[in-house]
Structures are given as C-alpha cells and as structure tokens.
Amino acid sequence: MSPSSGLSAQALPSWRRAVLKVGSSLLAADGGGLTPRFAGALAAFIASSHAQGRQVVLVSSGAVAAGRALLRARETLGRDLAARQALAALGQAPMIGLWQALSSRPVAQVLLTHDDLRNRRRYLNARATLHGLLALDVLPVVNENDTVAVDELKLGDNDNLAAIVAALIDADLLLIASDVAALYDADPRRQATARPIDRIDAITPAIIAMAGGSGSTVGTGGMRTKLEAAQKAAAAGIVTALFNGRDADAVQALARGVLHGTLFCAPASRMQARKYWLLHVPAVPGCIHVDAGAARAISEGGASLLPKGIIDAVGEFQRGDMVEIVGDSSSGEPGVVARGITQYGAAEINQIARSHTRDIKQRLGYSYGENVVHRDDLVITSEFGVAP
C-alpha cells in the first residue's frame, strides 16, 4: 500500500515556476553515501514538469551525508562544526553528481548563505543568476554554503532557504519533499491515531504547536522548519505543498496536478518584493533601541527613523546592514517594531543618538543623510502578521 494512500487527493494550484526542496533523509543511503532510490522519482517529476513548459529550481540537502560516507573509515573525524563544514565541502560534488546523473539537462550548482540574502546587491545578483540559468534551460541546484555558513549549518535551514529562493525567483509554488506524508495533528510516530491535515488556510500558533522534531538521523530540520518555510512563502503569496518524497505514487501524482499531502494556502495578493526581502532575510546581530515616540511614528505613521528618537545602538553592525528596531521597554510595548537597512553603523548611531538631523555632520564630520533608516528601506514586522 502506498504510504500516502490514506490522504485525500486534491488539486495543485496552477503553476509555471516552482521550487522543490529535497532533504537529506530522501538522499542518504542506509549504508552511507547517497542513493537515487527516492531521488529518481523526484528527478522524473522535474523532467515531466519541464516537458510541460514549467520551470523548477531544486533546493537540495545531502552534502554532509555524502561527505561523511566518503570518510566513514576515519572515526576520528568528529562531529563538531569544523568537521561538518569539511564534510559539506567534500560532499558537494557527489551530491551535484547524483542530480546530474538523474537529469538529461545540465545541472548548475548555486551556493547561498544568509549573507548573500541580507545584502541587497548580492540578493539581486543571486536572483539574476537563477533567472539566467532558467532561461538557459539549466536545472539550478541550490544549497546553503555550509562550508562558511555557521548559523545555517547548525540550524539545518534549507526549508527556509527554499522559501526565500521561491520568493527570489517569483515562484508560484513551493514543493517540500519530506519523509512523512503530510502535517499531522499529532506525531504519527508516537500516536497511531494521528490524522493527516489536507489543507491549512493559515499557520497559527496552534498549527505550529503540532510540529514535532526531526524524524531523520541524517537531516537537521524537522516539521517546524517546514511550517516556517510555508509561512514565509505564504507571506509572498506562494502556495506550499508538503508531500512524502519516498512515495513514488505521490510524486508521480504531482506531475498530473494532484497532491497527496498538505496544502498550505497563501493570500491572493503578494507582498511587494522588497518588503518581503526586508521582512524575512536575517538581520545582523545587534539592534537599534528607540523611544516610544519613534516607535509610534514608525509603526503608525509610516515615518523614517531619525536620530532624535534613538536611545542607543547595540552590536557592531555597519552602514548598509539589515538591523532590527526595538521599542523601549518602558513604553509598555517592547519588542521588535521594524527592521530595515541602516544608513549608519552602530558606533556612528551612538554618536548621533538624541540629536537633531542638522547636527549629524557636526558630530561625525560627515553625513549620509538625515535618516538613520529611510521608510523605503524599512518594514513594520507586525504589518503582515509574520514574525521575522
């Protein structure tokens, strides 16, 4: 019996471009290394979609698992971060080789980090590269650059990366191939009565609470990161489909526009691309503390952040970084008010805090303008009901 046979069949929304995320649990062989056992059906789906005039970008994990298999005789390698980064570097080639062996089209590797997505210029360069590869009829295979991405590797965040890539390329659909058939109302590994959920109209705290831990011994993500990814995709107007990538019947049904899994709906209108980028890409460590008046002017009046309303800056961020703007706790509404691209570094902000805009040049000896964060480079975090 098909693992997804108990799920209702539902129609996928019409789509022209999709991102398909494949986790390590679908690529790792039992004895180590990588196997086409499940990847073959997913590659066939990509080929079928291409034959129908559609475009697919693949976000694939598996590099660390592949690297560990190549050095499995070396038991002293360890599992610390440096060792995992070395394994990722070693395993990238066989991971790409697996997908190339399964594809009749050229495969291109694209490695991204949160730094690439935080920096507006590099973000747009990545976007142009992916669009260029699709125009060349190439299959892009995206992965986090684990050899240098410390936080990302520790978090196993390819689910969220896939959501950001989906927004980056203006995708219509995010497909997440998992080792479970759907989102369940309880952990199906522990409760035999757990029931799959066919459709989620909105991801609420109650839905998040259903997420369990990772069910895989080789991957580092779990259902929570998949829900986070679906939430980010929904904020960009992108529908997410979660399905069992180990079920060949379920994968083949996708090519016919049929989903056996969970469909996460999205609002009818899309968030402005730049606002989405500002809301979801990672901010640098540190923040700008503002008083109640500045917090109110930003959140309610759509104002830019001026030096007069700043209490202080925390951290060592630089001009052009993405930073969080935090309200003063004495205002009764502490927390992140907004986030945006700062025109001044932390040290500079602390010199001009509480000053009038006309005094910036006198205090610094130069000026980048009167706004610390311009309203065009700022997004209110509560505006779309999605946490950053």
Protein backbone atom coordinates (compact mmCIF):
# COMPACT_ATOMS: atom_id res chain seq x y z
CA MET A 1 0.00 0.00 0.00
CA SER A 2 1.26 3.48 -0.81
CA PRO A 3 2.42 5.40 2.30
CA SER A 4 0.19 8.28 1.23
CA SER A 5 -2.84 6.18 0.34
CA GLY A 6 -4.84 7.44 3.31
CA LEU A 7 -4.62 11.05 2.16
CA SER A 8 -7.26 12.76 0.10
CA ALA A 9 -6.37 13.73 -3.45
CA GLN A 10 -6.55 17.48 -4.06
CA ALA A 11 -5.69 19.66 -7.00
CA LEU A 12 -2.49 21.64 -7.02
CA PRO A 13 -2.92 25.28 -7.99
CA SER A 14 -1.87 26.23 -11.49
CA TRP A 15 1.85 26.97 -11.60
CA ARG A 16 4.55 27.93 -14.04
CA ARG A 17 7.62 28.04 -11.81
CA ALA A 18 8.28 26.08 -8.62
CA VAL A 19 10.96 25.43 -6.04
CA LEU A 20 11.37 21.79 -4.97
CA LYS A 21 13.12 21.21 -1.66
CA VAL A 22 14.61 17.76 -1.04
CA GLY A 23 16.05 16.84 2.37
CA SER A 24 18.91 14.57 3.36
CA SER A 25 16.59 11.80 4.50
CA LEU A 26 15.48 11.25 0.89
CA LEU A 27 19.02 11.08 -0.48
CA ALA A 28 21.05 9.22 2.14
CA ALA A 29 21.69 5.51 1.63
CA ASP A 30 21.28 3.12 4.56
CA GLY A 31 24.94 2.14 4.41
CA GLY A 32 26.15 5.71 3.94
CA GLY A 33 26.51 7.94 0.94
CA LEU A 34 23.77 8.94 -1.47
CA THR A 35 21.24 6.84 -3.33
CA PRO A 36 18.89 7.54 -6.26
CA ARG A 37 16.24 5.33 -4.65
CA PHE A 38 13.87 8.23 -3.96
CA ALA A 39 15.66 10.93 -5.93
CA GLY A 40 14.89 9.14 -9.20
CA ALA A 41 11.13 9.74 -8.95
CA LEU A 42 11.71 13.38 -7.98
CA ALA A 43 14.03 13.87 -10.95
CA ALA A 44 11.40 12.32 -13.21
CA PHE A 45 8.85 14.81 -11.87
CA ILE A 46 11.23 17.67 -12.68
CA ALA A 47 11.71 16.32 -16.22
CA SER A 48 7.95 15.89 -16.71
CA SER A 49 7.34 19.43 -15.49
CA HIS A 50 9.97 20.73 -17.90
CA ALA A 51 8.31 18.87 -20.76
CA GLN A 52 5.08 20.71 -19.87
CA GLY A 53 6.84 24.07 -20.21
CA ARG A 54 7.33 24.62 -16.50
CA GLN A 55 10.46 25.60 -14.58
CA VAL A 56 11.79 24.01 -11.39
CA VAL A 57 14.59 25.13 -9.11
CA LEU A 58 15.88 22.39 -6.83
CA VAL A 59 17.00 23.09 -3.25
CA SER A 60 18.88 20.01 -2.16
CA SER A 61 20.47 18.90 1.09
CA GLY A 62 22.75 15.87 1.34
CA ALA A 63 26.27 17.28 1.09
CA VAL A 64 27.23 16.50 4.69
CA ALA A 65 25.81 12.98 4.46
CA ALA A 66 27.74 12.39 1.22
CA GLY A 67 30.96 13.73 2.69
CA ARG A 68 30.69 11.60 5.79
CA ALA A 69 30.26 8.48 3.69
CA LEU A 70 33.46 9.23 1.78
CA LEU A 71 35.39 9.39 5.05
CA ARG A 72 33.44 6.84 7.07
CA ALA A 73 36.63 4.85 7.74
CA ARG A 74 38.02 7.80 9.70
CA GLU A 75 36.26 7.50 13.01
CA THR A 76 38.34 10.33 14.50
CA LEU A 77 36.84 12.92 12.17
CA GLY A 78 34.39 14.06 14.82
CA ARG A 79 31.04 15.82 14.57
CA ASP A 80 31.92 19.35 15.58
CA LEU A 81 31.11 22.31 13.36
CA ALA A 82 34.52 22.46 11.66
CA ALA A 83 34.31 18.77 10.78
CA ARG A 84 30.78 19.19 9.39
CA GLN A 85 31.91 22.11 7.29
CA ALA A 86 34.72 19.99 5.88
CA LEU A 87 32.25 17.19 5.14
CA ALA A 88 29.95 19.64 3.37
CA ALA A 89 32.81 20.78 1.14
CA LEU A 90 33.72 17.17 0.38
CA GLY A 91 30.12 16.10 -0.26
CA GLN A 92 29.01 18.89 -2.58
CA ALA A 93 30.50 17.22 -5.68
CA PRO A 94 28.82 13.80 -5.22
CA MET A 95 25.52 15.50 -4.32
CA ILE A 96 25.58 17.51 -7.55
CA GLY A 97 26.80 14.40 -9.39
CA LEU A 98 23.75 12.47 -8.21
CA TRP A 99 21.34 15.03 -9.64
CA GLN A 100 23.31 15.35 -12.86
CA ALA A 101 23.17 11.58 -13.34
CA LEU A 102 19.39 11.75 -12.99
CA SER A 103 18.90 14.74 -15.29
CA SER A 104 19.10 14.92 -19.08
CA ARG A 105 19.66 18.66 -18.81
CA PRO A 106 22.77 20.42 -17.50
CA VAL A 107 22.83 20.92 -13.73
CA ALA A 108 24.27 24.08 -12.16
CA GLN A 109 25.30 24.41 -8.53
CA VAL A 110 24.29 27.59 -6.69
CA LEU A 111 25.59 28.03 -3.14
CA LEU A 112 23.97 30.71 -1.00
CA THR A 113 24.41 31.98 2.55
CA HIS A 114 22.35 34.30 4.67
CA ASP A 115 24.93 36.99 3.92
CA ASP A 116 24.02 36.70 0.23
CA LEU A 117 20.37 37.21 1.11
CA ARG A 118 20.99 40.02 3.61
CA ASN A 119 22.96 42.16 1.19
CA ARG A 120 20.58 43.76 -1.30
CA ARG A 121 23.09 43.83 -4.14
CA ARG A 122 24.10 40.19 -3.69
CA TYR A 123 20.44 39.22 -3.29
CA LEU A 124 19.65 40.76 -6.66
CA ASN A 125 22.76 39.15 -8.21
CA ALA A 126 21.58 35.74 -6.99
CA ARG A 127 18.15 36.44 -8.44
CA ALA A 128 19.66 37.37 -11.81
CA THR A 129 21.82 34.24 -11.82
CA LEU A 130 18.89 31.92 -11.14
CA HIS A 131 16.73 33.60 -13.77
CA GLY A 132 19.63 33.34 -16.20
CA LEU A 133 20.07 29.63 -15.56
CA LEU A 134 16.36 29.00 -16.09
CA ALA A 135 16.50 30.96 -19.34
CA LEU A 136 19.36 28.70 -20.45
CA ASP A 137 17.23 25.61 -19.79
CA VAL A 138 19.51 24.53 -16.95
CA LEU A 139 18.43 22.86 -13.70
CA PRO A 140 19.71 25.02 -10.80
CA VAL A 141 20.55 23.04 -7.65
CA VAL A 142 20.67 25.37 -4.68
CA ASN A 143 22.21 24.59 -1.32
CA GLU A 144 23.41 26.57 1.63
CA ASN A 145 27.14 27.20 1.51
CA ASP A 146 27.71 25.10 4.60
CA THR A 147 31.50 25.43 4.43
CA VAL A 148 31.22 29.06 5.56
CA ALA A 149 27.64 29.41 6.90
CA VAL A 150 27.98 28.77 10.63
CA ASP A 151 24.48 29.52 11.92
CA GLU A 152 22.72 27.98 8.92
CA LEU A 153 24.59 24.71 9.22
CA LYS A 154 23.76 24.43 12.90
CA LEU A 155 20.07 25.10 12.24
CA GLY A 156 19.66 22.96 9.12
CA ASP A 157 17.64 25.69 7.48
CA ASN A 158 17.24 24.51 3.87
CA ASP A 159 13.45 24.57 4.32
CA ASN A 160 13.53 28.30 5.00
CA LEU A 161 16.16 28.79 2.31
CA ALA A 162 13.77 27.16 -0.17
CA ALA A 163 11.03 29.62 0.80
CA ILE A 164 13.36 32.57 0.31
CA VAL A 165 14.51 31.18 -3.05
CA ALA A 166 10.86 30.79 -4.06
CA ALA A 167 10.29 34.49 -3.43
CA LEU A 168 13.63 35.33 -5.02
CA ILE A 169 12.64 33.82 -8.38
CA ASP A 170 8.94 34.78 -8.25
CA ALA A 171 7.85 31.15 -7.98
CA ASP A 172 4.18 30.19 -7.95
CA LEU A 173 4.64 27.08 -5.82
CA LEU A 174 6.94 25.70 -3.11
CA LEU A 175 7.14 21.91 -3.01
CA ILE A 176 8.64 20.30 0.10
CA ALA A 177 9.50 16.63 -0.25
CA SER A 178 9.61 15.09 3.21
CA ASP A 179 9.93 11.66 4.78
CA VAL A 180 6.38 11.98 6.16
CA ALA A 181 3.20 12.12 4.14
CA ALA A 182 1.72 15.35 5.50
CA LEU A 183 1.28 17.55 8.53
CA TYR A 184 -0.49 15.54 11.24
CA ASP A 185 -2.50 16.74 14.22
CA ALA A 186 -0.09 14.71 16.40
CA ASP A 187 3.22 12.92 15.97
CA PRO A 188 2.35 9.83 13.84
CA ARG A 189 5.50 8.08 15.06
CA ARG A 190 4.16 8.12 18.62
CA GLN A 191 0.38 8.22 18.22
CA ALA A 192 -1.33 5.71 15.96
CA THR A 193 -4.48 7.84 15.97
CA ALA A 194 -2.73 10.88 14.46
CA ARG A 195 -4.66 12.22 11.49
CA PRO A 196 -3.22 14.00 8.45
CA ILE A 197 -4.38 17.51 7.64
CA ASP A 198 -5.14 18.07 3.95
CA ARG A 199 -5.30 21.87 3.92
CA ILE A 200 -4.05 24.73 6.08
CA ASP A 201 -5.59 28.13 5.35
CA ALA A 202 -3.35 29.99 7.82
CA ILE A 203 -0.45 28.94 10.00
CA THR A 204 -1.49 29.80 13.57
CA PRO A 205 0.31 29.17 16.88
CA ALA A 206 -1.86 26.08 17.27
CA ILE A 207 -0.61 24.77 13.93
CA ILE A 208 2.99 25.48 14.92
CA ALA A 209 2.42 23.52 18.13
CA MET A 210 1.69 20.42 16.06
CA ALA A 211 5.27 20.39 14.76
CA GLY A 212 7.45 17.62 16.12
CA GLY A 213 11.19 17.10 15.96
CA SER A 214 13.24 15.76 13.12
CA GLY A 215 12.41 12.18 12.21
CA SER A 216 15.64 11.63 10.34
CA THR A 217 19.04 10.55 11.60
CA VAL A 218 20.86 12.38 8.80
CA GLY A 219 18.97 15.65 8.46
CA THR A 220 18.86 18.51 10.94
CA GLY A 221 15.48 20.03 10.14
CA GLY A 222 12.03 19.00 11.31
CA MET A 223 8.37 19.82 10.77
CA ARG A 224 8.75 23.19 12.49
CA THR A 225 11.16 24.48 9.84
CA LYS A 226 8.75 23.29 7.15
CA LEU A 227 5.94 25.27 8.75
CA GLU A 228 8.23 28.29 9.00
CA ALA A 229 9.02 27.90 5.30
CA ALA A 230 5.34 27.61 4.39
CA GLN A 231 4.63 30.74 6.46
CA LYS A 232 7.35 32.72 4.70
CA ALA A 233 6.15 31.50 1.30
CA ALA A 234 2.54 32.44 2.14
CA ALA A 235 3.66 35.95 3.05
CA ALA A 236 4.97 36.25 -0.52
CA GLY A 237 1.72 34.86 -1.96
CA ILE A 238 3.24 31.45 -2.69
CA VAL A 239 1.36 28.22 -2.00
CA THR A 240 3.30 25.38 -0.34
CA ALA A 241 2.70 21.66 -0.86
CA LEU A 242 4.15 19.15 1.62
CA PHE A 243 4.27 15.53 0.48
CA ASN A 244 6.04 12.22 1.01
CA GLY A 245 9.10 12.15 -1.24
CA ARG A 246 9.55 8.44 -0.53
CA ASP A 247 6.18 7.62 -2.06
CA ALA A 248 6.64 7.21 -5.83
CA ASP A 249 2.88 7.28 -6.41
CA ALA A 250 2.55 10.59 -4.58
CA VAL A 251 5.45 12.07 -6.56
CA GLN A 252 4.03 10.86 -9.87
CA ALA A 253 0.64 12.35 -8.99
CA LEU A 254 2.25 15.79 -8.71
CA ALA A 255 3.03 15.69 -12.43
CA ARG A 256 -0.72 15.30 -13.03
CA GLY A 257 -1.51 18.27 -10.80
CA VAL A 258 -2.67 16.12 -7.89
CA LEU A 259 -1.39 16.40 -4.32
CA HIS A 260 -1.47 13.68 -1.69
CA GLY A 261 -0.23 15.69 1.26
CA THR A 262 -0.83 19.02 2.97
CA LEU A 263 -1.53 22.20 1.02
CA PHE A 264 -0.64 25.49 2.75
CA CYS A 265 -2.66 28.30 1.22
CA ALA A 266 -1.47 31.85 0.59
CA PRO A 267 -3.17 35.25 0.40
CA ALA A 268 -4.46 36.23 -3.00
CA SER A 269 -2.22 39.32 -3.20
CA ARG A 270 1.57 39.23 -2.98
CA MET A 271 3.70 41.32 -0.73
CA GLN A 272 5.85 43.84 -2.52
CA ALA A 273 9.10 42.02 -3.31
CA ARG A 274 11.32 44.47 -1.50
CA LYS A 275 9.10 44.47 1.59
CA TYR A 276 9.24 40.67 1.66
CA TRP A 277 13.03 40.76 1.47
CA LEU A 278 13.22 43.29 4.28
CA LEU A 279 10.86 41.26 6.46
CA HIS A 280 12.42 37.82 6.12
CA VAL A 281 16.13 37.91 5.40
CA PRO A 282 18.29 37.57 8.52
CA ALA A 283 19.29 40.70 10.40
CA VAL A 284 22.80 41.21 11.74
CA PRO A 285 23.43 40.72 15.47
CA GLY A 286 22.51 43.83 17.42
CA CYS A 287 19.70 46.35 17.16
CA ILE A 288 18.67 49.99 17.42
CA HIS A 289 16.69 50.94 20.54
CA VAL A 290 14.11 53.68 20.02
CA ASP A 291 11.82 55.60 22.35
CA ALA A 292 8.03 55.31 22.43
CA GLY A 293 7.53 58.31 20.18
CA ALA A 294 9.79 56.96 17.45
CA ALA A 295 8.24 53.51 17.72
CA ARG A 296 4.78 55.01 17.30
CA ALA A 297 5.86 57.23 14.39
CA ILE A 298 7.32 54.23 12.58
CA SER A 299 4.57 51.69 13.25
CA GLU A 300 1.57 54.01 12.94
CA GLY A 301 2.77 56.97 10.89
CA GLY A 302 4.98 55.28 8.33
CA ALA A 303 7.87 57.56 9.28
CA SER A 304 11.59 57.12 8.72
CA LEU A 305 13.84 56.59 11.73
CA LEU A 306 15.60 59.85 12.71
CA PRO A 307 18.42 60.28 15.25
CA LYS A 308 16.18 62.21 17.67
CA GLY A 309 14.14 59.13 18.57
CA ILE A 310 17.08 56.76 19.04
CA ILE A 311 18.14 55.70 22.53
CA ASP A 312 21.22 53.73 21.51
CA ALA A 313 22.60 51.04 19.19
CA VAL A 314 23.75 47.63 20.35
CA GLY A 315 26.20 45.46 18.44
CA GLU A 316 28.86 46.15 15.82
CA PHE A 317 26.83 46.44 12.64
CA GLN A 318 27.87 48.63 9.73
CA ARG A 319 26.24 51.01 7.28
CA GLY A 320 24.07 49.05 4.80
CA ASP A 321 23.34 46.18 7.21
CA MET A 322 19.88 44.84 7.95
CA VAL A 323 19.04 45.70 11.57
CA GLU A 324 16.10 45.32 13.92
CA ILE A 325 14.48 48.38 15.51
CA VAL A 326 13.39 47.65 19.08
CA GLY A 327 10.95 49.70 21.13
CA ASP A 328 11.81 50.93 24.61
CA SER A 329 10.51 48.51 27.26
CA SER A 330 9.22 51.41 29.35
CA SER A 331 6.72 52.20 26.60
CA GLY A 332 4.68 49.18 27.57
CA GLU A 333 5.10 47.61 24.11
CA PRO A 334 8.67 46.31 23.99
CA GLY A 335 9.93 44.16 21.19
CA VAL A 336 10.86 44.44 17.55
CA VAL A 337 8.94 47.29 15.94
CA ALA A 338 10.50 47.17 12.49
CA ARG A 339 13.60 46.16 10.58
CA GLY A 340 15.46 47.86 7.79
CA ILE A 341 18.71 48.90 6.15
CA THR A 342 20.66 51.32 8.28
CA GLN A 343 22.48 54.27 6.74
CA TYR A 344 24.83 54.47 9.73
CA GLY A 345 26.91 51.97 11.67
CA ALA A 346 26.35 51.22 15.36
CA ALA A 347 29.24 53.40 16.55
CA GLU A 348 28.00 56.30 14.43
CA ILE A 349 24.45 55.92 15.68
CA ASN A 350 25.60 56.11 19.28
CA GLN A 351 27.33 59.42 18.48
CA ILE A 352 24.25 60.99 16.89
CA ALA A 353 21.53 59.45 19.10
CA ARG A 354 19.10 62.02 20.53
CA SER A 355 20.50 64.71 18.23
CA HIS A 356 18.74 66.81 15.60
CA THR A 357 19.34 65.88 11.98
CA ARG A 358 21.15 69.18 11.38
CA ASP A 359 23.74 68.17 13.97
CA ILE A 360 24.80 64.89 12.27
CA LYS A 361 27.62 66.42 10.25
CA GLN A 362 28.90 68.37 13.24
CA ARG A 363 29.07 65.26 15.41
CA LEU A 364 30.51 62.87 12.79
CA GLY A 365 32.32 65.22 10.45
CA TYR A 366 30.19 63.90 7.57
CA SER A 367 26.62 62.90 6.82
CA TYR A 368 24.89 60.12 4.87
CA GLY A 369 21.59 61.96 5.14
CA GLU A 370 19.11 62.82 7.86
CA ASN A 371 17.50 59.35 8.06
CA VAL A 372 19.14 56.55 10.02
CA VAL A 373 16.70 54.16 8.34
CA HIS A 374 14.62 55.56 5.49
CA ARG A 375 10.99 54.48 5.33
CA ASP A 376 11.58 52.98 1.86
CA ASP A 377 14.20 50.69 3.41
CA LEU A 378 12.04 49.76 6.39
CA VAL A 379 9.27 47.27 7.06
CA ILE A 380 6.98 47.05 10.10
CA THR A 381 7.25 43.49 11.40
CA SER A 382 3.64 43.30 12.60
CA GLU A 383 2.18 44.65 9.37
CA PHE A 384 1.81 41.24 7.73
CA GLY A 385 1.30 39.15 10.87
CA VAL A 386 4.51 37.18 10.29
CA ALA A 387 7.46 37.02 12.65
CA PRO A 388 10.84 37.69 11.00
